[in-house]
Amino acid sequence: MALRSTAQGGSVSRVVPKLRGGTVTDPRNDVHMVVTEHGCVNLKGLSIPQRARELINIADPEFRESLEHDAKTIGLL
C-alpha cells in the first residue's frame, strides 16, 4: 500500500492510530508493505505494538509525537 503521509496541504496526517467509521477494504493482516515519502515498512508477522511503531516511523515527522501519544492512550503501545 502506498500513500502520502499527509492530506489537506500537510495539515492532517494520513497515518492514524484508529479508523473512524467507514469501510475497510484491506484488513490489517492482509497489509504487508506500506510506503510513504518517509520510508517503507514490512508489517508481515509483526505484533500490533510493533506495527504501530513502524507506521509511526514512516508518518510525517510533524505528526510522529502526537501519533505516539495517541497510540499509547488507546493501548496500541
C-alpha atoms as a PDB file:
ATOM      1  CA  MET A   1       0.000   0.000   0.000  1.00  0.00           C
ATOM      2  CA  ALA A   2       1.411   3.383  -0.965  1.00  0.00           C
ATOM      3  CA  LEU A   3       0.113   6.676   0.366  1.00  0.00           C
ATOM      4  CA  ARG A   4       1.161  10.229   1.057  1.00  0.00           C
ATOM      5  CA  SER A   5       1.833  10.757   4.738  1.00  0.00           C
ATOM      6  CA  THR A   6      -0.349  13.884   4.905  1.00  0.00           C
ATOM      7  CA  ALA A   7      -3.512  15.357   3.414  1.00  0.00           C
ATOM      8  CA  GLN A   8      -5.114  18.795   3.166  1.00  0.00           C
ATOM      9  CA  GLY A   9      -1.878  20.569   2.314  1.00  0.00           C
ATOM     10  CA  GLY A  10       0.127  18.857   5.038  1.00  0.00           C
ATOM     11  CA  SER A  11      -2.225  19.818   7.859  1.00  0.00           C
ATOM     12  CA  VAL A  12      -3.578  16.290   8.518  1.00  0.00           C
ATOM     13  CA  SER A  13      -1.736  13.002   8.986  1.00  0.00           C
ATOM     14  CA  ARG A  14      -2.905  10.085   6.858  1.00  0.00           C
ATOM     15  CA  VAL A  15      -1.241   7.704   9.304  1.00  0.00           C
ATOM     16  CA  VAL A  16      -3.746   7.488  12.143  1.00  0.00           C
ATOM     17  CA  PRO A  17      -3.975   5.391  15.321  1.00  0.00           C
ATOM     18  CA  LYS A  18      -7.610   4.427  14.791  1.00  0.00           C
ATOM     19  CA  LEU A  19     -10.116   4.460  11.926  1.00  0.00           C
ATOM     20  CA  ARG A  20     -13.354   6.408  12.373  1.00  0.00           C
ATOM     21  CA  GLY A  21     -16.156   4.501  10.705  1.00  0.00           C
ATOM     22  CA  GLY A  22     -16.315   3.885   7.015  1.00  0.00           C
ATOM     23  CA  THR A  23     -15.386   0.827   5.022  1.00  0.00           C
ATOM     24  CA  VAL A  24     -12.142  -1.087   5.458  1.00  0.00           C
ATOM     25  CA  THR A  25     -11.091  -2.665   2.174  1.00  0.00           C
ATOM     26  CA  ASP A  26      -7.843  -4.263   3.405  1.00  0.00           C
ATOM     27  CA  PRO A  27      -7.866  -5.984   6.810  1.00  0.00           C
ATOM     28  CA  ARG A  28      -4.746  -5.271   8.871  1.00  0.00           C
ATOM     29  CA  ASN A  29      -3.353  -8.813   8.494  1.00  0.00           C
ATOM     30  CA  ASP A  30      -3.525  -8.537   4.681  1.00  0.00           C
ATOM     31  CA  VAL A  31      -1.354  -5.410   4.517  1.00  0.00           C
ATOM     32  CA  HIS A  32       2.338  -6.312   4.436  1.00  0.00           C
ATOM     33  CA  MET A  33       4.164  -3.374   2.878  1.00  0.00           C
ATOM     34  CA  VAL A  34       3.332   0.293   3.473  1.00  0.00           C
ATOM     35  CA  VAL A  35       5.183   3.095   1.694  1.00  0.00           C
ATOM     36  CA  THR A  36       5.114   6.861   2.251  1.00  0.00           C
ATOM     37  CA  GLU A  37       7.547   9.537   1.144  1.00  0.00           C
ATOM     38  CA  HIS A  38       9.249   8.996   4.533  1.00  0.00           C
ATOM     39  CA  GLY A  39      10.017   5.310   4.112  1.00  0.00           C
ATOM     40  CA  CYS A  40       8.804   1.777   3.613  1.00  0.00           C
ATOM     41  CA  VAL A  41       7.903  -0.855   6.226  1.00  0.00           C
ATOM     42  CA  ASN A  42       7.206  -4.572   6.073  1.00  0.00           C
ATOM     43  CA  LEU A  43       4.465  -5.305   8.618  1.00  0.00           C
ATOM     44  CA  LYS A  44       4.172  -9.028   7.938  1.00  0.00           C
ATOM     45  CA  GLY A  45       4.340 -11.045  11.135  1.00  0.00           C
ATOM     46  CA  LEU A  46       4.657  -8.047  13.468  1.00  0.00           C
ATOM     47  CA  SER A  47       2.629  -7.648  16.645  1.00  0.00           C
ATOM     48  CA  ILE A  48       0.170  -4.767  16.928  1.00  0.00           C
ATOM     49  CA  PRO A  49       2.591  -2.618  19.007  1.00  0.00           C
ATOM     50  CA  GLN A  50       5.390  -3.323  16.517  1.00  0.00           C
ATOM     51  CA  ARG A  51       3.097  -2.445  13.599  1.00  0.00           C
ATOM     52  CA  ALA A  52       2.079   0.811  15.286  1.00  0.00           C
ATOM     53  CA  ARG A  53       5.708   1.776  15.921  1.00  0.00           C
ATOM     54  CA  GLU A  54       6.722   1.021  12.312  1.00  0.00           C
ATOM     55  CA  LEU A  55       3.828   3.033  10.890  1.00  0.00           C
ATOM     56  CA  ILE A  56       4.648   5.980  13.153  1.00  0.00           C
ATOM     57  CA  ASN A  57       8.216   5.835  11.827  1.00  0.00           C
ATOM     58  CA  ILE A  58       7.027   6.470   8.245  1.00  0.00           C
ATOM     59  CA  ALA A  59       4.482   9.146   9.173  1.00  0.00           C
ATOM     60  CA  ASP A  60       5.284  12.795   8.552  1.00  0.00           C
ATOM     61  CA  PRO A  61       7.785  13.880  11.238  1.00  0.00           C
ATOM     62  CA  GLU A  62       5.467  16.715  12.316  1.00  0.00           C
ATOM     63  CA  PHE A  63       2.858  14.183  13.493  1.00  0.00           C
ATOM     64  CA  ARG A  64       5.024  11.412  14.984  1.00  0.00           C
ATOM     65  CA  GLU A  65       4.969  12.665  18.573  1.00  0.00           C
ATOM     66  CA  SER A  66       1.186  13.068  18.633  1.00  0.00           C
ATOM     67  CA  LEU A  67       0.694   9.688  16.912  1.00  0.00           C
ATOM     68  CA  GLU A  68       2.859   8.006  19.549  1.00  0.00           C
ATOM     69  CA  HIS A  69       0.911   9.733  22.333  1.00  0.00           C
ATOM     70  CA  ASP A  70      -2.430   8.703  20.824  1.00  0.00           C
ATOM     71  CA  ALA A  71      -1.231   5.121  20.271  1.00  0.00           C
ATOM     72  CA  LYS A  72      -0.224   4.896  23.943  1.00  0.00           C
ATOM     73  CA  THR A  73      -3.534   6.420  25.039  1.00  0.00           C
ATOM     74  CA  ILE A  74      -5.605   3.796  23.221  1.00  0.00           C
ATOM     75  CA  GLY A  75      -3.336   0.907  24.220  1.00  0.00           C
ATOM     76  CA  LEU A  76      -1.528   0.201  20.954  1.00  0.00           C
ATOM     77  CA  LEU A  77       1.880   0.864  22.527  1.00  0.00           C
END
